[in-house]
């Protein structure tokens, strides 16, 4: 059953003209087919729009999840980096403490303040020429203490100059020689500063031996 495209009246099946206005039924049928096709196209367009909307929502959700995952990984990386820095700082602090402990020795007492004040300059120079305090004041206990430390330092340098060429044959001396030399310079400066400041501290590692009493 169709309707007239001109007046909208009902046209019975098989009729060739509209019973009201006489418009051909073929035109009404064609208009009905066009109307049906338009409705179908509209329905398909609406369905396609819904599918596109669903896909867009899914893509937005996936993008949000990816952004959230990236932020979580970034925060985790920051936390791991911070933990690594803290561990490195703790390790460096521990190494510095161990190095300070290795180079630190207790100050010895029993020295006359007048003796210290009188001979501390020569005692400091003993790390360059160990015998200077013995020449200027052989009875100075403070001077003899640092003369002994200066002698031990001299022995270290002499031993290093003898052993290094021997060990250089197997390449070990090329490494140990400079290290020992630098170590000797460092502890020598420490001993000199201690003496100039009126302190009686033994040199690290080598200073416990008493060759001059």
N, C-alpha and C. Protein backbone atom coordinates (compact mmCIF):
# COMPACT_ATOMS: atom_id res chain seq x y z
N UNK A 1 0.86 -1.19 0.00
CA UNK A 1 0.00 0.00 0.00
C UNK A 1 0.90 1.24 0.00
N UNK A 2 0.53 2.21 -0.86
CA UNK A 2 1.30 3.45 -0.98
C UNK A 2 0.42 4.64 -0.71
N UNK A 3 1.04 5.78 -0.62
CA UNK A 3 0.34 7.04 -0.39
C UNK A 3 0.69 8.00 -1.50
N UNK A 4 -0.24 8.82 -1.85
CA UNK A 4 -0.06 9.77 -2.94
C UNK A 4 0.99 10.80 -2.56
N UNK A 5 1.92 11.02 -3.47
CA UNK A 5 2.98 11.99 -3.22
C UNK A 5 2.48 13.42 -3.32
N UNK A 6 1.23 13.61 -3.90
CA UNK A 6 0.69 14.94 -4.09
C UNK A 6 -0.22 15.35 -2.93
N UNK A 7 -1.22 14.48 -2.61
CA UNK A 7 -2.18 14.83 -1.56
C UNK A 7 -2.09 13.98 -0.32
N UNK A 8 -1.29 12.89 -0.38
CA UNK A 8 -1.10 12.05 0.79
C UNK A 8 -2.19 11.02 1.01
N UNK A 9 -3.13 10.92 0.05
CA UNK A 9 -4.21 9.93 0.21
C UNK A 9 -3.69 8.53 0.00
N UNK A 10 -4.38 7.53 0.56
CA UNK A 10 -3.98 6.14 0.43
C UNK A 10 -4.34 5.64 -0.97
N UNK A 11 -3.41 4.91 -1.56
CA UNK A 11 -3.63 4.31 -2.88
C UNK A 11 -3.61 2.80 -2.70
N UNK A 12 -4.65 2.14 -3.08
CA UNK A 12 -4.76 0.70 -2.96
C UNK A 12 -3.76 0.02 -3.89
N UNK A 13 -3.37 -1.18 -3.48
CA UNK A 13 -2.43 -1.95 -4.31
C UNK A 13 -3.08 -2.23 -5.66
N UNK A 14 -2.34 -2.07 -6.73
CA UNK A 14 -2.83 -2.31 -8.09
C UNK A 14 -3.43 -1.10 -8.74
N UNK A 15 -3.73 -0.06 -7.97
CA UNK A 15 -4.32 1.15 -8.57
C UNK A 15 -3.25 1.93 -9.29
N UNK A 16 -3.61 2.54 -10.42
CA UNK A 16 -2.65 3.28 -11.22
C UNK A 16 -2.68 4.78 -10.91
N UNK A 17 -3.82 5.27 -10.30
CA UNK A 17 -3.93 6.69 -10.02
C UNK A 17 -4.47 6.89 -8.61
N UNK A 18 -4.18 8.07 -8.07
CA UNK A 18 -4.72 8.42 -6.75
C UNK A 18 -6.22 8.65 -6.89
N UNK A 19 -7.03 8.05 -6.00
CA UNK A 19 -8.47 8.21 -6.11
C UNK A 19 -8.92 9.61 -5.77
N UNK A 20 -8.08 10.43 -5.17
CA UNK A 20 -8.49 11.77 -4.75
C UNK A 20 -8.09 12.83 -5.76
N UNK A 21 -6.77 12.81 -6.16
CA UNK A 21 -6.28 13.87 -7.04
C UNK A 21 -5.85 13.38 -8.41
N UNK A 22 -5.83 12.07 -8.61
CA UNK A 22 -5.49 11.52 -9.91
C UNK A 22 -4.02 11.45 -10.22
N UNK A 23 -3.17 11.67 -9.22
CA UNK A 23 -1.72 11.57 -9.44
C UNK A 23 -1.36 10.12 -9.72
N UNK A 24 -0.46 9.87 -10.73
CA UNK A 24 -0.09 8.48 -11.04
C UNK A 24 0.48 7.75 -9.80
N UNK A 25 0.09 6.48 -9.64
CA UNK A 25 0.53 5.69 -8.49
C UNK A 25 2.03 5.38 -8.56
N UNK A 26 2.59 5.34 -9.79
CA UNK A 26 4.03 5.04 -9.94
C UNK A 26 4.87 6.10 -9.23
N UNK A 27 4.40 7.35 -9.34
CA UNK A 27 5.14 8.42 -8.66
C UNK A 27 5.07 8.26 -7.15
N UNK A 28 3.89 7.86 -6.68
CA UNK A 28 3.74 7.64 -5.24
C UNK A 28 4.61 6.48 -4.77
N UNK A 29 4.69 5.43 -5.59
CA UNK A 29 5.52 4.27 -5.22
C UNK A 29 7.01 4.64 -5.22
N UNK A 30 7.37 5.43 -6.24
CA UNK A 30 8.77 5.86 -6.30
C UNK A 30 9.14 6.72 -5.09
N UNK A 31 8.17 7.61 -4.72
CA UNK A 31 8.43 8.46 -3.55
C UNK A 31 8.53 7.62 -2.29
N UNK A 32 7.70 6.57 -2.22
CA UNK A 32 7.77 5.69 -1.04
C UNK A 32 9.09 4.95 -0.98
N UNK A 33 9.57 4.50 -2.13
CA UNK A 33 10.86 3.79 -2.17
C UNK A 33 12.00 4.73 -1.75
N UNK A 34 11.89 5.98 -2.27
CA UNK A 34 12.93 6.96 -1.91
C UNK A 34 12.91 7.24 -0.42
N UNK A 35 11.66 7.33 0.13
CA UNK A 35 11.54 7.58 1.56
C UNK A 35 12.11 6.42 2.37
N UNK A 36 11.86 5.18 1.90
CA UNK A 36 12.39 4.00 2.60
C UNK A 36 13.91 3.95 2.55
N UNK A 37 14.44 4.29 1.36
CA UNK A 37 15.91 4.30 1.22
C UNK A 37 16.53 5.38 2.10
N UNK A 38 15.85 6.53 2.18
CA UNK A 38 16.37 7.61 3.02
C UNK A 38 16.37 7.20 4.50
N UNK A 39 15.30 6.50 4.90
CA UNK A 39 15.24 6.04 6.30
C UNK A 39 16.35 5.02 6.57
N UNK A 40 16.58 4.12 5.57
CA UNK A 40 17.63 3.11 5.74
C UNK A 40 19.01 3.77 5.83
N UNK A 41 19.21 4.77 4.95
CA UNK A 41 20.50 5.48 4.98
C UNK A 41 20.68 6.21 6.30
N UNK A 42 19.60 6.80 6.79
CA UNK A 42 19.66 7.52 8.06
C UNK A 42 19.99 6.57 9.20
N UNK A 43 19.35 5.37 9.17
CA UNK A 43 19.63 4.38 10.21
C UNK A 43 21.08 3.90 10.14
N UNK A 44 21.56 3.65 8.92
CA UNK A 44 22.95 3.20 8.76
C UNK A 44 23.93 4.30 9.22
N UNK A 45 23.60 5.55 8.89
CA UNK A 45 24.46 6.66 9.32
C UNK A 45 24.50 6.78 10.84
N UNK A 46 23.30 6.62 11.46
CA UNK A 46 23.24 6.68 12.92
C UNK A 46 24.05 5.54 13.54
N UNK A 47 23.93 4.33 12.95
CA UNK A 47 24.68 3.19 13.47
C UNK A 47 26.19 3.41 13.31
N UNK A 48 26.58 3.95 12.13
CA UNK A 48 28.01 4.23 11.90
C UNK A 48 28.52 5.28 12.89
N UNK A 49 27.67 6.30 13.17
CA UNK A 49 28.07 7.32 14.13
C UNK A 49 28.27 6.73 15.52
N UNK A 50 27.38 5.80 15.89
CA UNK A 50 27.52 5.15 17.19
C UNK A 50 28.80 4.32 17.26
N UNK A 51 29.12 3.61 16.17
CA UNK A 51 30.35 2.81 16.13
C UNK A 51 31.59 3.70 16.23
N UNK A 52 31.54 4.83 15.50
CA UNK A 52 32.68 5.76 15.55
C UNK A 52 32.83 6.33 16.96
N UNK A 53 31.69 6.66 17.58
CA UNK A 53 31.73 7.20 18.93
C UNK A 53 32.31 6.18 19.91
N UNK A 54 31.89 4.90 19.74
CA UNK A 54 32.41 3.84 20.62
C UNK A 54 33.92 3.65 20.42
N UNK A 55 34.35 3.66 19.15
CA UNK A 55 35.79 3.51 18.87
C UNK A 55 36.57 4.69 19.43
N UNK A 56 36.02 5.91 19.32
CA UNK A 56 36.70 7.09 19.86
C UNK A 56 36.83 7.00 21.37
N UNK A 57 35.74 6.54 22.02
CA UNK A 57 35.79 6.39 23.48
C UNK A 57 36.82 5.34 23.88
N UNK A 58 36.88 4.24 23.11
CA UNK A 58 37.86 3.19 23.40
C UNK A 58 39.28 3.70 23.20
N UNK A 59 39.50 4.47 22.12
CA UNK A 59 40.83 5.04 21.87
C UNK A 59 41.23 6.02 22.96
N UNK A 60 40.26 6.85 23.41
CA UNK A 60 40.54 7.80 24.48
C UNK A 60 40.89 7.07 25.78
N UNK A 61 40.17 5.99 26.05
CA UNK A 61 40.46 5.21 27.25
C UNK A 61 41.84 4.57 27.18
N UNK A 62 42.16 4.04 25.98
CA UNK A 62 43.49 3.44 25.81
C UNK A 62 44.59 4.49 25.96
N UNK A 63 44.35 5.70 25.41
CA UNK A 63 45.34 6.77 25.53
C UNK A 63 45.51 7.20 26.98
N UNK A 64 44.41 7.29 27.71
CA UNK A 64 44.48 7.66 29.12
C UNK A 64 45.23 6.60 29.91
N UNK A 65 44.96 5.32 29.59
CA UNK A 65 45.68 4.24 30.27
C UNK A 65 47.17 4.28 29.96
N UNK A 66 47.52 4.59 28.69
CA UNK A 66 48.94 4.68 28.32
C UNK A 66 49.61 5.83 29.05
N UNK A 67 48.89 6.99 29.14
CA UNK A 67 49.46 8.14 29.85
C UNK A 67 49.66 7.82 31.32
N UNK A 68 48.67 7.14 31.91
CA UNK A 68 48.79 6.78 33.32
C UNK A 68 49.94 5.80 33.53
N UNK A 69 50.07 4.83 32.60
CA UNK A 69 51.18 3.87 32.71
C UNK A 69 52.52 4.57 32.58
N UNK A 70 52.60 5.57 31.66
CA UNK A 70 53.85 6.32 31.48
C UNK A 70 54.20 7.09 32.75
N UNK A 71 53.19 7.73 33.36
CA UNK A 71 53.43 8.48 34.59
C UNK A 71 53.88 7.56 35.71
N UNK A 72 53.27 6.37 35.79
CA UNK A 72 53.68 5.42 36.83
C UNK A 72 55.12 4.97 36.61
N UNK A 73 55.48 4.69 35.36
CA UNK A 73 56.86 4.28 35.07
C UNK A 73 57.83 5.42 35.34
N UNK A 74 57.39 6.66 35.02
CA UNK A 74 58.26 7.81 35.27
C UNK A 74 58.50 7.99 36.76
N UNK A 75 57.44 7.86 37.56
CA UNK A 75 57.58 7.97 39.01
C UNK A 75 58.46 6.86 39.56
N UNK A 76 58.30 5.66 39.01
CA UNK A 76 59.13 4.54 39.46
C UNK A 76 60.59 4.78 39.12
N UNK A 77 60.83 5.31 37.89
CA UNK A 77 62.21 5.61 37.49
C UNK A 77 62.81 6.69 38.38
N UNK A 78 62.00 7.72 38.74
CA UNK A 78 62.48 8.77 39.63
C UNK A 78 62.84 8.19 41.00
N UNK A 79 61.97 7.30 41.50
CA UNK A 79 62.22 6.69 42.81
C UNK A 79 63.49 5.85 42.78
N UNK A 80 63.67 5.07 41.70
CA UNK A 80 64.88 4.24 41.58
C UNK A 80 66.12 5.11 41.46
N UNK A 81 66.03 6.21 40.69
CA UNK A 81 67.18 7.10 40.55
C UNK A 81 67.53 7.75 41.89
N UNK A 82 66.50 8.17 42.63
CA UNK A 82 66.73 8.77 43.94
C UNK A 82 67.36 7.77 44.89
N UNK A 83 66.89 6.52 44.83
CA UNK A 83 67.46 5.48 45.70
C UNK A 83 68.91 5.21 45.33
N UNK A 84 69.20 5.21 44.03
CA UNK A 84 70.58 4.98 43.58
C UNK A 84 71.50 6.11 44.05
N UNK A 85 70.99 7.36 43.95
CA UNK A 85 71.79 8.52 44.40
C UNK A 85 72.05 8.44 45.90
N UNK A 86 71.02 8.06 46.66
CA UNK A 86 71.19 7.94 48.11
C UNK A 86 72.22 6.87 48.46
N UNK A 87 72.15 5.73 47.76
CA UNK A 87 73.12 4.66 48.01
C UNK A 87 74.52 5.11 47.65
N UNK A 88 74.64 5.84 46.53
CA UNK A 88 75.96 6.33 46.12
C UNK A 88 76.51 7.32 47.14
N UNK A 89 75.62 8.20 47.65
CA UNK A 89 76.06 9.16 48.67
C UNK A 89 76.48 8.45 49.95
N UNK A 90 75.73 7.42 50.33
CA UNK A 90 76.08 6.66 51.53
C UNK A 90 77.42 5.95 51.34
N UNK A 91 77.60 5.37 50.12
CA UNK A 91 78.86 4.68 49.84
C UNK A 91 80.03 5.66 49.86
N UNK A 92 79.81 6.85 49.25
CA UNK A 92 80.87 7.86 49.23
C UNK A 92 81.18 8.34 50.64
N UNK A 93 80.13 8.53 51.44
CA UNK A 93 80.33 8.96 52.82
C UNK A 93 81.09 7.90 53.61
N UNK A 94 80.71 6.62 53.38
CA UNK A 94 81.41 5.54 54.07
C UNK A 94 82.87 5.44 53.65
N UNK A 95 83.11 5.63 52.33
CA UNK A 95 84.49 5.58 51.84
C UNK A 95 85.31 6.73 52.40
N UNK A 96 84.67 7.92 52.45
CA UNK A 96 85.37 9.08 53.00
C UNK A 96 85.68 8.88 54.48
N UNK A 97 84.70 8.29 55.19
CA UNK A 97 84.94 8.00 56.61
C UNK A 97 86.04 7.00 56.82
N UNK A 98 86.06 5.96 55.96
CA UNK A 98 87.10 4.94 56.07
C UNK A 98 88.47 5.54 55.75
N UNK A 99 88.50 6.42 54.71
CA UNK A 99 89.78 7.05 54.36
C UNK A 99 90.26 7.97 55.47
N UNK A 100 89.29 8.71 56.05
CA UNK A 100 89.66 9.60 57.16
C UNK A 100 90.17 8.81 58.35
N UNK A 101 89.52 7.66 58.61
CA UNK A 101 89.95 6.82 59.73
C UNK A 101 91.34 6.23 59.48
N UNK A 102 91.60 5.88 58.19
CA UNK A 102 92.90 5.30 57.86
C UNK A 102 94.02 6.31 58.01
N UNK A 103 93.74 7.59 57.74
CA UNK A 103 94.76 8.63 57.79
C UNK A 103 94.77 9.36 59.13
N UNK A 104 93.90 8.97 60.03
CA UNK A 104 93.83 9.66 61.32
C UNK A 104 94.52 8.82 62.40
N UNK A 105 95.35 9.46 63.18
CA UNK A 105 96.03 8.79 64.29
C UNK A 105 95.84 9.63 65.55
N UNK A 106 95.88 8.96 66.68
CA UNK A 106 95.68 9.64 67.95
C UNK A 106 96.90 10.49 68.30
N UNK A 107 96.63 11.61 68.93
CA UNK A 107 97.72 12.49 69.36
C UNK A 107 98.33 11.94 70.65
N UNK A 108 99.65 11.86 70.67
CA UNK A 108 100.34 11.36 71.85
C UNK A 108 100.64 12.51 72.80
N UNK A 109 100.62 12.20 74.10
CA UNK A 109 100.86 13.21 75.11
C UNK A 109 102.22 13.03 75.77
N UNK A 110 102.41 13.71 76.89
CA UNK A 110 103.66 13.61 77.63
C UNK A 110 104.74 14.53 77.15
N UNK A 111 104.39 15.55 76.40
CA UNK A 111 105.40 16.47 75.89
C UNK A 111 105.30 17.81 76.64
N UNK A 112 106.47 18.40 76.89
CA UNK A 112 106.54 19.67 77.60
C UNK A 112 106.06 20.80 76.68
N UNK A 113 105.06 21.58 77.10
CA UNK A 113 104.58 22.69 76.26
C UNK A 113 105.69 23.65 75.85
N UNK A 114 106.64 23.89 76.76
CA UNK A 114 107.75 24.78 76.42
C UNK A 114 108.62 24.17 75.33
N UNK A 115 108.81 22.85 75.43
CA UNK A 115 109.60 22.13 74.41
C UNK A 115 108.89 22.22 73.06
N UNK A 116 107.59 22.02 73.07
CA UNK A 116 106.81 22.06 71.83
C UNK A 116 106.91 23.44 71.20
N UNK A 117 106.70 24.48 72.00
CA UNK A 117 106.71 25.84 71.47
C UNK A 117 108.08 26.22 70.92
N UNK A 118 109.14 25.73 71.55
CA UNK A 118 110.49 26.08 71.14
C UNK A 118 110.92 25.35 69.87
N UNK A 119 110.48 24.10 69.70
CA UNK A 119 111.04 23.26 68.63
C UNK A 119 110.03 22.85 67.56
N UNK A 120 108.83 23.43 67.57
CA UNK A 120 107.82 22.95 66.62
C UNK A 120 108.17 23.31 65.17
N UNK A 121 108.92 24.40 64.97
CA UNK A 121 109.29 24.75 63.60
C UNK A 121 110.27 23.73 63.04
N UNK A 122 111.32 23.42 63.81
CA UNK A 122 112.30 22.42 63.38
C UNK A 122 111.65 21.04 63.30
N UNK A 123 110.69 20.79 64.17
CA UNK A 123 110.00 19.50 64.11
C UNK A 123 109.23 19.37 62.80
N UNK A 124 108.62 20.48 62.34
CA UNK A 124 107.92 20.44 61.06
C UNK A 124 108.87 20.25 59.89
N UNK A 125 110.04 20.88 59.96
CA UNK A 125 111.03 20.74 58.89
C UNK A 125 111.67 19.36 58.87
N UNK A 126 111.45 18.57 59.93
CA UNK A 126 112.00 17.21 59.98
C UNK A 126 111.43 16.34 58.88
N UNK A 127 110.28 16.69 58.31
CA UNK A 127 109.68 15.89 57.24
C UNK A 127 110.32 16.19 55.89
N UNK A 128 111.21 17.22 55.89
CA UNK A 128 112.04 17.49 54.72
C UNK A 128 113.46 16.97 54.96
N UNK A 129 114.03 17.30 56.13
CA UNK A 129 115.35 16.81 56.56
C UNK A 129 115.19 16.32 57.99
N UNK A 130 115.10 15.01 58.16
CA UNK A 130 114.72 14.44 59.45
C UNK A 130 115.68 14.81 60.58
N UNK A 131 116.94 15.11 60.26
CA UNK A 131 117.95 15.31 61.31
C UNK A 131 117.99 16.74 61.84
N UNK A 132 117.24 17.67 61.27
CA UNK A 132 117.29 19.06 61.72
C UNK A 132 116.96 19.22 63.20
N UNK A 133 115.91 18.59 63.74
CA UNK A 133 115.64 18.76 65.18
C UNK A 133 116.75 18.19 66.06
N UNK A 134 117.43 17.16 65.55
CA UNK A 134 118.51 16.55 66.34
C UNK A 134 119.72 17.47 66.41
N UNK A 135 119.92 18.28 65.37
CA UNK A 135 121.05 19.21 65.35
C UNK A 135 120.77 20.44 66.22
N UNK A 136 119.59 20.98 66.10
CA UNK A 136 119.27 22.22 66.82
C UNK A 136 119.05 21.99 68.31
N UNK A 137 118.43 20.85 68.67
CA UNK A 137 118.18 20.55 70.09
C UNK A 137 118.01 19.05 70.23
N UNK A 138 119.11 18.38 70.47
CA UNK A 138 119.08 16.91 70.56
C UNK A 138 118.32 16.41 71.78
N UNK A 139 118.10 17.27 72.77
CA UNK A 139 117.40 16.85 73.98
C UNK A 139 115.88 17.07 73.90
N UNK A 140 115.43 17.63 72.82
CA UNK A 140 114.01 17.90 72.67
C UNK A 140 113.25 16.60 72.37
N UNK A 141 112.37 16.22 73.28
CA UNK A 141 111.56 15.02 73.09
C UNK A 141 110.59 15.20 71.92
N UNK A 142 110.03 16.39 71.81
CA UNK A 142 109.10 16.69 70.73
C UNK A 142 109.82 16.66 69.38
N UNK A 143 111.03 17.26 69.35
CA UNK A 143 111.81 17.26 68.12
C UNK A 143 112.23 15.87 67.71
N UNK A 144 112.61 15.03 68.67
CA UNK A 144 113.04 13.67 68.36
C UNK A 144 111.85 12.83 67.84
N UNK A 145 110.68 13.10 68.39
CA UNK A 145 109.49 12.37 67.93
C UNK A 145 109.27 12.61 66.43
N UNK A 146 109.31 13.88 66.03
CA UNK A 146 109.07 14.18 64.62
C UNK A 146 110.28 13.84 63.75
N UNK A 147 111.47 13.87 64.31
CA UNK A 147 112.65 13.41 63.57
C UNK A 147 112.48 11.94 63.22
N UNK A 148 111.95 11.15 64.14
CA UNK A 148 111.70 9.73 63.89
C UNK A 148 110.66 9.55 62.78
N UNK A 149 109.60 10.37 62.84
CA UNK A 149 108.58 10.27 61.79
C UNK A 149 109.15 10.68 60.43
N UNK A 150 109.99 11.71 60.40
CA UNK A 150 110.62 12.12 59.16
C UNK A 150 111.55 11.06 58.61
N UNK A 151 112.26 10.34 59.49
CA UNK A 151 113.15 9.26 59.06
C UNK A 151 112.33 8.13 58.45
N UNK A 152 111.21 7.78 59.06
CA UNK A 152 110.35 6.72 58.51
C UNK A 152 109.82 7.11 57.13
N UNK A 153 109.51 8.39 56.98
CA UNK A 153 109.03 8.86 55.68
C UNK A 153 110.13 8.76 54.64
N UNK A 154 111.35 9.12 55.02
CA UNK A 154 112.49 9.01 54.10
C UNK A 154 112.72 7.57 53.69
N UNK A 155 112.63 6.65 54.64
CA UNK A 155 112.81 5.22 54.33
C UNK A 155 111.74 4.75 53.35
N UNK A 156 110.53 5.25 53.51
CA UNK A 156 109.45 4.87 52.58
C UNK A 156 109.79 5.31 51.16
N UNK A 157 110.28 6.55 51.00
CA UNK A 157 110.61 7.04 49.66
C UNK A 157 111.78 6.27 49.06
N UNK A 158 112.80 5.98 49.89
CA UNK A 158 113.96 5.24 49.39
C UNK A 158 113.55 3.83 48.98
N UNK A 159 112.75 3.16 49.82
CA UNK A 159 112.31 1.80 49.50
C UNK A 159 111.47 1.79 48.23
N UNK A 160 110.65 2.80 48.07
CA UNK A 160 109.81 2.87 46.87
C UNK A 160 110.66 3.06 45.62
N UNK A 161 111.72 3.89 45.72
CA UNK A 161 112.59 4.12 44.56
C UNK A 161 113.39 2.88 44.19
N UNK A 162 113.63 1.98 45.17
CA UNK A 162 114.37 0.75 44.89
C UNK A 162 113.44 -0.33 44.35
N UNK A 163 112.28 -0.45 44.96
CA UNK A 163 111.37 -1.54 44.60
C UNK A 163 110.64 -1.28 43.28
N UNK A 164 110.31 -0.01 43.01
CA UNK A 164 109.54 0.29 41.80
C UNK A 164 110.20 -0.19 40.52
N UNK A 165 111.51 0.07 40.27
CA UNK A 165 112.12 -0.45 39.04
C UNK A 165 112.10 -1.98 38.95
N UNK A 166 112.19 -2.63 40.11
CA UNK A 166 112.15 -4.09 40.10
C UNK A 166 110.76 -4.59 39.70
N UNK A 167 109.73 -3.99 40.31
CA UNK A 167 108.37 -4.41 40.01
C UNK A 167 107.91 -3.93 38.64
N UNK A 168 108.60 -2.94 38.08
CA UNK A 168 108.21 -2.43 36.77
C UNK A 168 108.38 -3.48 35.69
N UNK A 169 109.21 -4.49 35.96
CA UNK A 169 109.41 -5.57 34.99
C UNK A 169 108.10 -6.30 34.73
N UNK A 170 107.30 -6.45 35.76
CA UNK A 170 106.01 -7.13 35.61
C UNK A 170 104.86 -6.11 35.62
N UNK A 171 105.18 -4.84 35.36
CA UNK A 171 104.20 -3.75 35.23
C UNK A 171 103.53 -3.34 36.53
N UNK A 172 103.75 -4.08 37.62
CA UNK A 172 103.12 -3.72 38.89
C UNK A 172 103.71 -2.42 39.42
N UNK A 173 105.00 -2.26 39.23
CA UNK A 173 105.67 -1.06 39.74
C UNK A 173 105.16 0.22 39.10
N UNK A 174 104.68 0.11 37.85
CA UNK A 174 104.15 1.29 37.18
C UNK A 174 102.88 1.80 37.86
N UNK A 175 102.24 0.92 38.62
CA UNK A 175 101.04 1.30 39.35
C UNK A 175 101.33 1.62 40.80
N UNK A 176 102.06 0.74 41.45
CA UNK A 176 102.31 0.91 42.88
C UNK A 176 103.27 2.07 43.17
N UNK A 177 104.24 2.27 42.30
CA UNK A 177 105.23 3.33 42.54
C UNK A 177 104.60 4.70 42.71
N UNK A 178 103.82 5.19 41.74
CA UNK A 178 103.19 6.51 41.89
C UNK A 178 102.23 6.58 43.08
N UNK A 179 101.53 5.48 43.34
CA UNK A 179 100.58 5.49 44.46
C UNK A 179 101.31 5.68 45.78
N UNK A 180 102.40 4.93 45.97
CA UNK A 180 103.17 5.04 47.21
C UNK A 180 103.80 6.43 47.32
N UNK A 181 104.26 6.96 46.19
CA UNK A 181 104.89 8.29 46.19
C UNK A 181 103.88 9.36 46.62
N UNK A 182 102.68 9.30 46.04
CA UNK A 182 101.64 10.27 46.41
C UNK A 182 101.24 10.09 47.87
N UNK A 183 101.13 8.84 48.31
CA UNK A 183 100.80 8.57 49.71
C UNK A 183 101.84 9.18 50.64
N UNK A 184 103.11 9.03 50.29
CA UNK A 184 104.18 9.59 51.10
C UNK A 184 104.11 11.11 51.18
N UNK A 185 103.82 11.75 50.04
CA UNK A 185 103.70 13.22 50.04
C UNK A 185 102.55 13.67 50.94
N UNK A 186 101.42 12.98 50.84
CA UNK A 186 100.24 13.36 51.63
C UNK A 186 100.51 13.23 53.13
N UNK A 187 101.04 12.08 53.54
CA UNK A 187 101.27 11.89 54.98
C UNK A 187 102.41 12.77 55.46
N UNK A 188 103.37 13.09 54.58
CA UNK A 188 104.44 14.01 54.97
C UNK A 188 103.90 15.40 55.25
N UNK A 189 102.99 15.86 54.40
CA UNK A 189 102.36 17.17 54.63
C UNK A 189 101.55 17.14 55.93
N UNK A 190 100.84 16.01 56.18
CA UNK A 190 100.08 15.89 57.42
C UNK A 190 101.00 15.99 58.64
N UNK A 191 102.14 15.27 58.59
CA UNK A 191 103.08 15.31 59.70
C UNK A 191 103.65 16.70 59.92
N UNK A 192 103.95 17.40 58.81
CA UNK A 192 104.51 18.74 58.91
C UNK A 192 103.49 19.69 59.54
N UNK A 193 102.23 19.60 59.12
CA UNK A 193 101.18 20.47 59.68
C UNK A 193 100.99 20.18 61.16
N UNK A 194 101.00 18.89 61.52
CA UNK A 194 100.85 18.54 62.94
C UNK A 194 101.98 19.13 63.78
N UNK A 195 103.20 19.03 63.26
CA UNK A 195 104.35 19.53 64.01
C UNK A 195 104.28 21.05 64.16
N UNK A 196 103.95 21.76 63.09
CA UNK A 196 103.84 23.22 63.16
C UNK A 196 102.74 23.65 64.12
N UNK A 197 101.73 22.81 64.27
CA UNK A 197 100.63 23.12 65.20
C UNK A 197 100.88 22.60 66.61
N UNK A 198 102.08 22.07 66.84
CA UNK A 198 102.43 21.60 68.17
C UNK A 198 101.79 20.27 68.55
N UNK A 199 101.43 19.46 67.55
CA UNK A 199 100.81 18.16 67.82
C UNK A 199 101.79 17.04 67.54
N UNK A 200 101.66 15.98 68.33
CA UNK A 200 102.54 14.81 68.17
C UNK A 200 101.68 13.63 67.72
N UNK A 201 101.47 13.53 66.40
CA UNK A 201 100.68 12.43 65.84
C UNK A 201 101.58 11.59 64.93
N UNK A 202 101.46 10.28 65.07
CA UNK A 202 102.25 9.38 64.23
C UNK A 202 101.67 9.35 62.81
N UNK A 203 102.56 9.13 61.85
CA UNK A 203 102.13 9.02 60.46
C UNK A 203 101.28 7.76 60.28
N UNK A 204 100.27 7.81 59.44
CA UNK A 204 99.46 6.61 59.20
C UNK A 204 100.30 5.46 58.66
N UNK A 205 100.04 4.27 59.13
CA UNK A 205 100.62 3.00 58.67
C UNK A 205 102.08 2.86 59.06
N UNK A 206 102.94 3.79 58.64
CA UNK A 206 104.39 3.61 58.86
C UNK A 206 104.86 4.24 60.16
N UNK A 207 104.05 5.06 60.79
CA UNK A 207 104.54 5.87 61.91
C UNK A 207 104.67 5.15 63.23
N UNK A 208 104.29 3.89 63.33
CA UNK A 208 104.32 3.21 64.64
C UNK A 208 105.71 2.70 65.03
N UNK A 209 106.66 2.76 64.14
CA UNK A 209 108.01 2.27 64.43
C UNK A 209 108.85 3.40 65.06
N UNK A 210 109.66 3.04 66.04
CA UNK A 210 110.52 4.01 66.72
C UNK A 210 111.98 3.67 66.44
N UNK A 211 112.57 4.39 65.50
CA UNK A 211 113.99 4.22 65.18
C UNK A 211 114.84 5.22 65.92
N UNK A 212 114.27 6.38 66.23
CA UNK A 212 114.96 7.41 67.03
C UNK A 212 114.18 7.57 68.33
N UNK A 213 114.80 7.29 69.43
CA UNK A 213 114.13 7.35 70.74
C UNK A 213 114.72 8.46 71.60
